[in-house]
Amino acid sequence: MEIKDLIRIISDTYPLDIVDFENEYPNKSYCIRQKNRQWEVYYSERGQKTDLKKFNSESHACEYLLEQIKTGYNTVYN
């Protein structure tokens, strides 16, 4: 899975603005970004990264983020 695939899957079910693909510290947003040859996935709120996970592949990072959204969306956004 690539970012473009993740965007398509998310936009079919969730508001796309729950994920930030560019900023390091957005407020109340899941994040996925490449940094130093690794992919970071985390939740950002009030300038803090929480539940930071690092991956060597874009595919693993995308799959992990999608699972986090599926299991955590209602907890975080409702």
Protein backbone atom coordinates (compact mmCIF):
# COMPACT_ATOMS: atom_id res chain seq x y z
CA MET A 1 0.00 0.00 0.00
CA GLU A 2 1.20 3.51 -0.81
CA ILE A 3 0.07 6.89 0.50
CA LYS A 4 -2.16 7.39 -2.55
CA ASP A 5 -3.95 4.12 -1.74
CA LEU A 6 -4.31 5.11 1.90
CA ILE A 7 -5.84 8.45 0.91
CA ARG A 8 -8.40 6.69 -1.30
CA ILE A 9 -9.36 4.19 1.40
CA ILE A 10 -9.64 6.82 4.14
CA SER A 11 -11.66 9.22 1.99
CA ASP A 12 -14.19 6.47 1.23
CA THR A 13 -15.08 6.07 4.92
CA TYR A 14 -13.67 8.88 7.08
CA PRO A 15 -13.13 12.62 6.80
CA LEU A 16 -9.76 12.97 5.09
CA ASP A 17 -8.68 15.76 7.45
CA ILE A 18 -8.18 13.24 10.28
CA VAL A 19 -4.76 12.49 8.73
CA ASP A 20 -2.03 15.02 8.13
CA PHE A 21 0.51 14.07 5.48
CA GLU A 22 2.70 17.17 5.65
CA ASN A 23 2.89 18.89 9.03
CA GLU A 24 4.84 17.44 11.92
CA TYR A 25 2.63 18.77 14.74
CA PRO A 26 -0.96 19.32 13.61
CA ASN A 27 -3.62 19.40 16.31
CA LYS A 28 -5.82 16.34 16.82
CA SER A 29 -4.64 14.44 13.78
CA TYR A 30 -3.12 11.13 12.84
CA CYS A 31 0.17 11.66 11.01
CA ILE A 32 2.27 9.72 8.57
CA ARG A 33 5.50 11.09 7.22
CA GLN A 34 8.87 10.01 5.98
CA LYS A 35 11.79 11.14 8.09
CA ASN A 36 15.40 10.01 7.86
CA ARG A 37 14.63 7.05 5.55
CA GLN A 38 11.94 5.76 7.90
CA TRP A 39 8.19 6.24 8.05
CA GLU A 40 6.68 7.68 11.22
CA VAL A 41 3.08 7.11 12.25
CA TYR A 42 1.65 8.84 15.31
CA TYR A 43 -1.18 10.89 16.73
CA SER A 44 -0.50 14.59 17.25
CA GLU A 45 -2.31 16.79 19.72
CA ARG A 46 -1.24 20.09 21.27
CA GLY A 47 2.24 19.85 19.77
CA GLN A 48 2.89 16.36 21.12
CA LYS A 49 3.50 13.12 19.25
CA THR A 50 1.82 10.17 20.93
CA ASP A 51 2.03 6.48 20.10
CA LEU A 52 4.95 7.06 17.72
CA LYS A 53 5.83 4.03 15.63
CA LYS A 54 8.59 3.84 13.01
CA PHE A 55 8.63 1.63 9.94
CA ASN A 56 11.17 0.83 7.25
CA SER A 57 8.55 0.64 4.51
CA GLU A 58 5.77 2.92 3.33
CA SER A 59 3.47 -0.07 2.99
CA HIS A 60 3.83 -1.19 6.61
CA ALA A 61 3.36 2.37 7.84
CA CYS A 62 0.18 2.82 5.77
CA GLU A 63 -1.27 -0.50 6.89
CA TYR A 64 -0.55 0.31 10.54
CA LEU A 65 -2.10 3.78 10.27
CA LEU A 66 -5.22 2.43 8.60
CA GLU A 67 -5.64 -0.08 11.43
CA GLN A 68 -5.16 2.69 14.02
CA ILE A 69 -7.85 4.77 12.34
CA LYS A 70 -10.25 1.82 12.16
CA THR A 71 -9.85 1.01 15.84
CA GLY A 72 -9.45 4.50 17.27
CA TYR A 73 -11.57 6.85 15.19
CA ASN A 74 -14.70 6.69 17.35
CA THR A 75 -12.67 7.08 20.54
CA VAL A 76 -10.76 10.11 19.32
CA TYR A 77 -13.38 11.94 17.27
CA ASN A 78 -16.67 11.18 19.02
